[in-house]
Amino acid sequence: MTRYCLSVLAGAYSLQFCSELPGPILLLMLAGVSLGTFLIPKLKLVGAFVAGFVIFALTSGLVIDDRLHPGIAGTTVIVDARITEFPNDNGASLTFPVEPVGQNGLPGHIRLSWFDATAQPALGETWQLEVRLRRPRGFSNPGGFDYEGWLFRKGIGATGYVVNGPRNFRRNDWPVDRVSRLRQRFVARIEDVLPDDDASAVLMAVGVGARHRITRDQWRRYAETGTSHLMAISGLHIGLAAGGMYVLGWAVLSIFCRRVNIKDRAAIIAAAAAYAYAEVSGFAVPARRALLMTIIFVLAGLFRRPISPARLLAICCLAIFLSDPLAILAPGFKLSFAAVAILFWHMRVTQIPAYALGGSRPSAMLNGMRRLSSTQMTLLLGLMPLTVLLFDRVAIVAPVVNLLALPIFNFITVPACLLGMTLDGPFQAAGNLLLSIAHRSVAVVLWIVGRASDVSYGSFDIARPEGMFVVTVFLPALWMLTPPAWPGRRLALIAAVAVILYRPPPPPNECVDLHVLDVGQGLSLVMQTHGHTAVFDAGPSFRGGSDTGKLVLVPFLKSKGISMLDMLIVSHADQDHAGGVRSLSEEIRMQRLLAGETLDDFDLPQIRCRAGSRWEWDGIEFLLVHPTDADRWHGNNASCVLEIRIARHTIVLTGDIESPVETLLAQSGALSPADIVLIPHHGSRTSSSQLFVSTVRPRVAIVSAGYRNRWGFPKEDIVQAWRNAGAEVLNTADSGAISYRICRDSGMRRLALHRQQARKYWH
């Protein structure tokens, strides 16, 4: 069974290497091949591989076909929609997923934002909403979050926002389902009984999977300490609920039912409790895994059929894949099954002797702590390949934090929370007391997490591995795979240190790498020489409270192993160029800040850009050619204009300068023909004057613009003007991040158009 499971998963995951889905005729042929090979014993594993590929491809095709029709994109529609999860309120907007009801022609799942909401939708309610929708699309950058991929695996076929107006109201003729009412009731009790703090937010997540109150900063601390699994309903919580109900059921039945098989009936009660808890939690992948394991284990016990851990995991894995193939893309699927497999394997290959203290209680306690420490160390190293490849992070403090936090969570938080949630109605006072106890235990855990997150070098951001170094990322798992006595086991520790210290190779000396990032309607560019890094603009901020400094720029820099900037240049103070500066400064240290205009509410010392400023890094010359008089220019025309010279090669970065400045630069002789130019002001008609275009005559002209932005940038006549001058015009909206390497001797070479290079079938 295990081999067939692994073959099916391998077939399904192999589709991730495809940029396009296979056609229906090919899938039909492959389905026939799969059925045929199952008739030949030696080829059954091949048949399982092909079956996994076909099933996953068919499911993916159905999800992609369910996306918003292009003809509806950008239009305003009225939709009746059921709220399927607790709305997330970030202050500026509400964000929530919905399912349209009673309507055809719309995707089955839509993600909406409601800015300046005039009402508060609740889980399970049905609303008539006036919405403007668009097809799924996200930024495309190295090291960045694949928003389109996330929407795909969630089955979301459209995103959009609610248009404020009188046509938005709750539909009282659609009742709220039972499970949603239960979840709402529990959240309301927490809000009424407990203070509005981080511990209450965690308790909502542990009780009914309501994670909408956990802030981004909280999630960051949990990731840094390896405790994210505690803050949402996982397999651990389902197992604790089942185990607790088994003990309680056994105790009650032993009193009232003396002539029946108490253990079997207690096991059935435990399985029912696990199902109820998983249903209330929303059936996340880890919860489904734990529920299936519980049910299969109980059935095996009822029929007196022993089952091996490997077979148990394989059956659960296949069941989840067949019922929801896209679930295997979720990080929770990979981490949940991997963690359980590691624990089973660890128990099998590891034998830890007790300390020779005569069998006393201290001996048992020391031995227990040693076993727990060994288990946590095994999980840290065994899961390191996944945490590095999925999250670009390693939490070194995780074993210690979990050793301290898990007993509190296992023996106080979860039991008290579940009992407190169950005791309602006439027993609500007792239930509220238990919830208060659970709240205090969570507060203790969060205190531990807070102290651990403040530890220097307790967590490491890992640079994105490249080339053959990817193999090294998997070597820490040797600690889990090999018994303690094996001499090569310590290679895992060396590999773990290598992964933490790894940095991608910088450009050679006398070379510069230029990365124009995809930040939508804005600008952000990274320049890296052999020993220095600079950023030109930080992209826009958004109404929802986020910005591209946090979403794009910081992840890109960390993926390159860059933790400090030698210089940040902010061309001018407009939101689409300076919106990400604060988030960037909070995560990345910077030595100098140059700005075309003074940035308000910013603590770092600022130096105004001034024409004639010059510096050299690693054989590369940088020269500011505008503004000549800082007090004369304002707004777009105050933009810093930077010229980069590499021997006979030139790059010009323009910001948002308009025709007056372009004319001044062209007539003064400050500019000469260039290899690469950033098209000014995103391709607006207020810029790219004929004199400017004919003066710089670039080989490559790059425009940074948002996909289908409301201003229609870049304007088609502007694009044509640059093409007429001999330039290849590239747009981040179409190409994603655009990367070039320019060297003194070898000249200019394109490194990547990220949206094309990293394209997957869901893009």
Foldseek 3Di string as FASTA:
>chain_A
DLLLLVLLVQLQCVQFVFLAQDDPVVLVVLLVVLVVQCVPVVRPSVSSSSVSNSVNSVVLVVLLVLAQDQVQAQPKDKFWWAFAAAWFCPPQWTKTKTATPPDPRHHRIEIEIEGPDPDHDGHQWIKTFTKHKHADDDFFDVLFDHRLLVCSLVSHRIYTYTDDDDRIDTDPVRDGDDLSVLLVVLLVLLPVQHDLDQLSLLLSQLQQNRNSSHDPVNVVLCLQQVNPPSSHDALLLLVLQLVVQLVVQLVVCVVVPVPDDSNLVSLVRSLVRLVVRCVSNPNQPRSQLNSQLSVVVSVCVVVVHDDDPSVSLSVSSVVCCVVRVSSCVDLSNVLNSQLSVLVSLCVVQEDDDFDPPPPDPVRVVVSVVVVLLLSLLLSQLQCQLVCCQPPQKHQQNNSVLCVVLVVLCSPQQSVLSNVLSVQDDPRNVVSSVSNVRNSVSSVVSVVSSVVLSPDPPRMARFAADDDPLSVLSNLLNLCSVHYPVDPCNCVNVVSVVCRRPDAPQFADFQKKKKKWFAFAAATKIWITHRPAIEIEFQAAADSSGGTCLVRPVVSNCSNRVAQEHAEYEQFEADRGGHVNVVVNVVGHHYDAYEYLYDHPPDPDDYDYDAFADWDDDRQKIKGWHDDPDSVVDDDLQSTTWMWIDRAPAIEIEREAHFDVVLVVCLVVVVEAAHAEYEFHPQQDPRHLDLSNLLGHLYQAYEGHHHAVDPVPGNDPVSVVSNVVSNYDYYYCNPQGMWMWMAGNPPGIDTDGSRCVVSRRNSD
